[in-house]
Amino acid sequence: MTKVNTDKAIDFVQASGDPILSALALFAARRTDAKQALDAIKAYQRNDGGWTKADMDFQGDLSIITATSVALQWLLYVGGEGSAVLEKTVDYLRRAQRSDGAWDEPDEIRQYNPQPWMLPGRYENQVWLTSAIGCKLKELGREQDVDFDRALDFVRRGWDGNRFPVFVHTHWMAMPLLHMQATGSALDGRIIAGCKRFLYEAIVNNQVDPGDLISIAYASLLTGGVADDLRELSLKGVLDNQMDDGGWKTNYGDKNRAGFTVGALFLLKRFPSIQ
């Protein structure tokens, strides 16, 4: 596996001109403290507790669930578990959760011409959003602050026996979510095993964006020994995908490369033995 050049990665993120991603990259490399990183990211939190612009594919002046899921990951990165920022975020998510347990984007998002995976009212979007929010809340130890059982049931109902609808990314969110829940149920076991199989085959068949290997590696590490083969395969891709300019490879467009690079740096920070 290729050794990561951390200095070049930080230089790449800083050259992007995004002060929030730059602060996260410096913290990942232990060159700034958690308070500075937390102070930087909260610029994207709105008064209602939700988040905007944390996802580069949405730059509107509106709190959305997609951006909030990214912010939850940032809070995990910087150790924001006891922060007022997280409290406001959890309050927002509690209010935004639907009666069936799912999360969906607000109708107001339509005025910003959102990407298809952000459109409200689509079942496949509700499944991936609920998987993402559920997984991050579980990691943060805040699952009891929402109707978590209903959220889990909503996710489980999305499994057709072989896969979740439409998206690859739902699988790397649901797999660790159900593993961390540790119900031991036969259904959860089948879903976890099915997600691992689906993701492994998607990587082998080049059906996964290079940048998404970072999230798959992170998810497989959360899933422990259940996904060792997936972990090794995705980590190899992560370590091999740093480009000559220091940033990480993706087909989603240059605007997303700095964010993927930050994700790679935090993956390596959390699991230094893989470098």
Protein backbone atom coordinates (compact mmCIF):
# COMPACT_ATOMS: atom_id res chain seq x y z
CA MET A 1 0.00 0.00 0.00
CA THR A 2 1.10 3.54 -0.74
CA LYS A 3 2.19 5.69 2.18
CA VAL A 4 0.11 8.84 2.65
CA ASN A 5 1.82 12.23 2.29
CA THR A 6 0.11 14.19 5.06
CA ASP A 7 1.90 17.47 4.34
CA LYS A 8 0.76 17.46 0.73
CA ALA A 9 -2.77 16.57 1.77
CA ILE A 10 -2.95 19.54 4.15
CA ASP A 11 -1.48 21.86 1.53
CA PHE A 12 -4.12 20.66 -0.95
CA VAL A 13 -7.00 21.34 1.45
CA GLN A 14 -5.65 24.76 2.38
CA ALA A 15 -5.25 25.65 -1.30
CA SER A 16 -8.98 25.03 -1.75
CA GLY A 17 -9.65 28.22 0.18
CA ASP A 18 -12.26 26.63 2.45
CA PRO A 19 -11.48 27.76 6.03
CA ILE A 20 -13.65 25.07 7.63
CA LEU A 21 -12.08 22.18 5.75
CA SER A 22 -8.65 23.69 6.37
CA ALA A 23 -9.31 23.80 10.12
CA LEU A 24 -10.46 20.18 10.06
CA ALA A 25 -7.40 19.08 8.10
CA LEU A 26 -5.05 20.80 10.53
CA PHE A 27 -6.81 19.18 13.47
CA ALA A 28 -6.65 15.76 11.80
CA ALA A 29 -2.89 16.23 11.53
CA ARG A 30 -2.69 17.37 15.17
CA ARG A 31 -1.58 20.88 14.18
CA THR A 32 -4.44 22.73 15.87
CA ASP A 33 -6.75 21.99 18.80
CA ALA A 34 -10.32 20.76 18.97
CA LYS A 35 -11.72 24.12 20.07
CA GLN A 36 -10.38 25.85 16.98
CA ALA A 37 -11.82 23.14 14.75
CA LEU A 38 -15.20 23.24 16.51
CA ASP A 39 -15.30 27.03 16.31
CA ALA A 40 -14.66 26.80 12.59
CA ILE A 41 -17.31 24.22 11.69
CA LYS A 42 -20.13 25.87 13.64
CA ALA A 43 -20.17 28.67 11.08
CA TYR A 44 -22.41 26.37 9.02
CA GLN A 45 -24.91 25.76 11.83
CA ARG A 46 -28.11 27.77 11.55
CA ASN A 47 -30.22 29.23 14.35
CA ASP A 48 -32.66 26.33 14.24
CA GLY A 49 -29.82 23.90 15.01
CA GLY A 50 -29.68 22.42 11.53
CA TRP A 51 -26.83 22.80 9.07
CA THR A 52 -26.24 24.09 5.58
CA LYS A 53 -23.28 24.07 3.15
CA ALA A 54 -21.49 21.23 4.97
CA ASP A 55 -22.18 19.23 1.81
CA MET A 56 -20.53 20.95 -1.17
CA ASP A 57 -23.45 19.94 -3.40
CA PHE A 58 -25.76 22.29 -1.49
CA GLN A 59 -24.99 25.95 -0.90
CA GLY A 60 -28.49 27.23 -0.10
CA ASP A 61 -29.52 29.26 2.93
CA LEU A 62 -31.56 26.47 4.51
CA SER A 63 -31.08 23.75 7.12
CA ILE A 64 -31.11 20.35 5.45
CA ILE A 65 -30.71 16.80 6.72
CA THR A 66 -27.90 15.94 4.29
CA ALA A 67 -25.69 18.77 5.53
CA THR A 68 -26.60 17.93 9.12
CA SER A 69 -25.43 14.34 8.64
CA VAL A 70 -22.06 15.65 7.41
CA ALA A 71 -21.89 17.99 10.42
CA LEU A 72 -22.50 15.06 12.77
CA GLN A 73 -19.48 13.35 11.24
CA TRP A 74 -17.44 16.53 11.73
CA LEU A 75 -18.51 16.62 15.38
CA LEU A 76 -17.33 13.04 15.75
CA TYR A 77 -14.03 14.02 14.18
CA VAL A 78 -13.38 16.93 16.56
CA GLY A 79 -14.77 15.37 19.75
CA GLY A 80 -17.83 17.60 19.94
CA GLU A 81 -19.91 15.13 21.97
CA GLY A 82 -20.46 17.46 24.93
CA SER A 83 -20.77 20.68 22.98
CA ALA A 84 -23.65 23.13 22.73
CA VAL A 85 -23.28 22.74 18.97
CA LEU A 86 -24.27 19.08 19.22
CA GLU A 87 -27.15 19.83 21.61
CA LYS A 88 -28.65 22.25 19.09
CA THR A 89 -28.13 19.72 16.31
CA VAL A 90 -29.88 16.94 18.21
CA ASP A 91 -32.79 19.25 19.02
CA TYR A 92 -33.15 20.04 15.32
CA LEU A 93 -33.12 16.36 14.39
CA ARG A 94 -35.66 15.52 17.08
CA ARG A 95 -38.05 18.09 15.64
CA ALA A 96 -37.36 17.05 12.04
CA GLN A 97 -37.97 13.33 12.55
CA ARG A 98 -41.22 12.12 10.98
CA SER A 99 -43.85 10.07 12.77
CA ASP A 100 -42.77 6.94 10.87
CA GLY A 101 -39.23 7.34 12.23
CA ALA A 102 -37.65 8.63 9.02
CA TRP A 103 -35.86 11.82 8.14
CA ASP A 104 -36.53 13.61 4.87
CA GLU A 105 -35.42 16.89 3.36
CA PRO A 106 -37.73 19.91 3.77
CA ASP A 107 -39.91 20.89 0.80
CA GLU A 108 -38.19 24.29 0.75
CA ILE A 109 -35.06 22.64 -0.61
CA ARG A 110 -36.68 22.49 -4.05
CA GLN A 111 -36.10 26.20 -4.60
CA TYR A 112 -32.34 25.53 -4.63
CA ASN A 113 -32.45 22.94 -7.45
CA PRO A 114 -31.07 20.13 -5.26
CA GLN A 115 -29.35 16.99 -6.42
CA PRO A 116 -31.69 14.00 -6.96
CA TRP A 117 -30.49 12.32 -3.75
CA MET A 118 -31.63 15.38 -1.78
CA LEU A 119 -35.15 15.65 -3.20
CA PRO A 120 -37.90 15.29 -0.55
CA GLY A 121 -40.69 12.76 -0.84
CA ARG A 122 -38.55 10.02 -2.38
CA TYR A 123 -38.49 6.78 -0.44
CA GLU A 124 -34.93 5.87 -1.44
CA ASN A 125 -33.74 9.25 -0.14
CA GLN A 126 -35.57 8.81 3.14
CA VAL A 127 -33.92 5.41 3.65
CA TRP A 128 -30.40 6.70 3.12
CA LEU A 129 -30.96 9.84 5.20
CA THR A 130 -32.40 7.82 8.07
CA SER A 131 -29.51 5.36 7.89
CA ALA A 132 -26.98 8.21 7.92
CA ILE A 133 -28.54 10.13 10.81
CA GLY A 134 -29.14 6.97 12.81
CA CYS A 135 -25.55 5.81 12.40
CA LYS A 136 -24.02 9.13 13.46
CA LEU A 137 -26.36 9.54 16.45
CA LYS A 138 -25.48 6.02 17.56
CA GLU A 139 -21.75 6.78 17.30
CA LEU A 140 -22.26 9.94 19.32
CA GLY A 141 -24.27 8.10 21.98
CA ARG A 142 -27.32 10.29 21.32
CA GLU A 143 -29.71 7.75 19.85
CA GLN A 144 -32.04 7.99 22.86
CA ASP A 145 -32.74 11.65 22.02
CA VAL A 146 -34.84 10.66 19.01
CA ASP A 147 -37.33 7.89 18.27
CA PHE A 148 -34.51 5.52 17.45
CA ASP A 149 -36.52 2.29 17.35
CA ARG A 150 -38.84 3.72 14.72
CA ALA A 151 -35.84 4.92 12.72
CA LEU A 152 -34.29 1.45 12.81
CA ASP A 153 -37.56 -0.16 11.74
CA PHE A 154 -37.84 2.28 8.86
CA VAL A 155 -34.34 1.36 7.67
CA ARG A 156 -34.97 -2.37 8.02
CA ARG A 157 -38.10 -2.15 5.90
CA GLY A 158 -35.98 -0.76 3.07
CA TRP A 159 -34.05 -4.03 2.74
CA ASP A 160 -35.50 -6.20 -0.04
CA GLY A 161 -33.48 -9.29 0.84
CA ASN A 162 -30.55 -8.37 -1.38
CA ARG A 163 -30.01 -4.62 -1.18
CA PHE A 164 -31.38 -1.21 -0.23
CA PRO A 165 -33.09 0.85 -2.95
CA VAL A 166 -31.14 2.78 -5.61
CA PHE A 167 -28.06 3.97 -3.74
CA VAL A 168 -24.75 2.33 -2.88
CA HIS A 169 -24.16 4.67 0.05
CA THR A 170 -27.16 3.47 2.06
CA HIS A 171 -25.31 0.18 2.53
CA TRP A 172 -22.24 1.67 4.21
CA MET A 173 -24.47 3.64 6.56
CA ALA A 174 -26.89 0.86 7.50
CA MET A 175 -24.19 -1.78 8.00
CA PRO A 176 -22.46 -0.15 11.01
CA LEU A 177 -25.75 1.24 12.29
CA LEU A 178 -27.23 -2.23 12.72
CA HIS A 179 -23.93 -3.68 13.94
CA MET A 180 -23.63 -1.07 16.71
CA GLN A 181 -27.23 -1.70 17.69
CA ALA A 182 -26.23 -5.30 18.40
CA THR A 183 -29.73 -6.74 18.62
CA GLY A 184 -28.48 -10.12 17.52
CA SER A 185 -31.62 -10.56 15.42
CA ALA A 186 -31.52 -12.79 12.38
CA LEU A 187 -32.82 -9.96 10.19
CA ASP A 188 -30.11 -7.54 11.28
CA GLY A 189 -27.49 -10.22 10.73
CA ARG A 190 -28.73 -10.83 7.21
CA ILE A 191 -28.77 -7.12 6.42
CA ILE A 192 -25.25 -6.58 7.76
CA ALA A 193 -23.91 -9.56 5.80
CA GLY A 194 -25.81 -8.45 2.71
CA CYS A 195 -24.46 -4.91 2.92
CA LYS A 196 -20.91 -6.20 3.26
CA ARG A 197 -21.36 -8.49 0.26
CA PHE A 198 -22.98 -5.76 -1.83
CA LEU A 199 -20.21 -3.24 -1.08
CA TYR A 200 -17.42 -5.74 -1.68
CA GLU A 201 -18.83 -6.69 -5.07
CA ALA A 202 -19.43 -3.04 -5.96
CA ILE A 203 -15.77 -2.23 -5.30
CA VAL A 204 -14.49 -5.23 -7.23
CA ASN A 205 -16.73 -4.32 -10.17
CA ASN A 206 -15.66 -0.64 -10.14
CA GLN A 207 -19.17 0.53 -9.23
CA VAL A 208 -17.98 2.74 -6.36
CA ASP A 209 -16.53 6.23 -6.68
CA PRO A 210 -12.89 6.32 -5.53
CA GLY A 211 -13.73 8.92 -2.88
CA ASP A 212 -16.46 6.74 -1.42
CA LEU A 213 -13.88 4.12 -0.46
CA ILE A 214 -13.05 6.42 2.48
CA SER A 215 -16.57 6.12 3.88
CA ILE A 216 -16.69 2.38 3.20
CA ALA A 217 -13.39 1.88 5.02
CA TYR A 218 -14.65 3.93 7.96
CA ALA A 219 -17.89 1.93 8.07
CA SER A 220 -16.12 -1.42 7.86
CA LEU A 221 -13.84 -0.44 10.73
CA LEU A 222 -16.92 0.40 12.82
CA THR A 223 -18.32 -3.01 11.98
CA GLY A 224 -15.35 -4.80 13.46
CA GLY A 225 -14.35 -8.30 12.47
CA VAL A 226 -17.61 -8.83 10.59
CA ALA A 227 -16.22 -6.90 7.62
CA ASP A 228 -12.48 -7.62 7.67
CA ASP A 229 -12.29 -8.45 3.96
CA LEU A 230 -14.22 -5.31 3.04
CA ARG A 231 -11.99 -3.29 5.34
CA GLU A 232 -8.81 -4.50 3.68
CA LEU A 233 -10.15 -3.97 0.17
CA SER A 234 -11.46 -0.45 0.80
CA LEU A 235 -8.41 0.63 2.81
CA LYS A 236 -6.12 -0.41 -0.01
CA GLY A 237 -8.12 1.82 -2.31
CA VAL A 238 -7.95 4.74 0.10
CA LEU A 239 -4.21 4.49 0.53
CA ASP A 240 -3.67 4.14 -3.21
CA ASN A 241 -5.95 7.03 -4.20
CA GLN A 242 -3.95 10.03 -3.01
CA MET A 243 -2.99 11.96 -6.13
CA ASP A 244 0.25 13.79 -6.91
CA ASP A 245 -1.24 17.13 -5.80
CA GLY A 246 -1.95 15.69 -2.33
CA GLY A 247 -5.72 15.43 -2.69
CA TRP A 248 -7.91 12.37 -3.03
CA LYS A 249 -9.33 11.06 -6.25
CA THR A 250 -13.06 11.32 -6.98
CA ASN A 251 -15.36 11.47 -9.99
CA TYR A 252 -17.83 13.77 -8.19
CA GLY A 253 -15.98 16.89 -9.30
CA ASP A 254 -13.08 18.99 -8.08
CA LYS A 255 -15.22 20.91 -5.57
CA ASN A 256 -15.56 17.72 -3.53
CA ARG A 257 -11.91 16.70 -3.46
CA ALA A 258 -10.95 18.78 -0.41
CA GLY A 259 -13.77 17.22 1.60
CA PHE A 260 -12.70 13.71 0.64
CA THR A 261 -9.13 14.58 1.56
CA VAL A 262 -10.26 15.68 5.02
CA GLY A 263 -12.16 12.40 5.38
CA ALA A 264 -9.05 10.43 4.47
CA LEU A 265 -6.94 12.34 7.00
CA PHE A 266 -9.40 11.61 9.79
CA LEU A 267 -9.63 7.96 8.81
CA LEU A 268 -5.87 7.72 9.16
CA LYS A 269 -5.91 9.71 12.41
CA ARG A 270 -8.44 7.40 14.00
CA PHE A 271 -6.77 4.24 12.79
CA PRO A 272 -3.05 5.09 12.55
CA SER A 273 -2.01 1.47 12.27
CA ILE A 274 -3.30 1.29 8.69
CA GLN A 275 -0.79 3.84 7.35
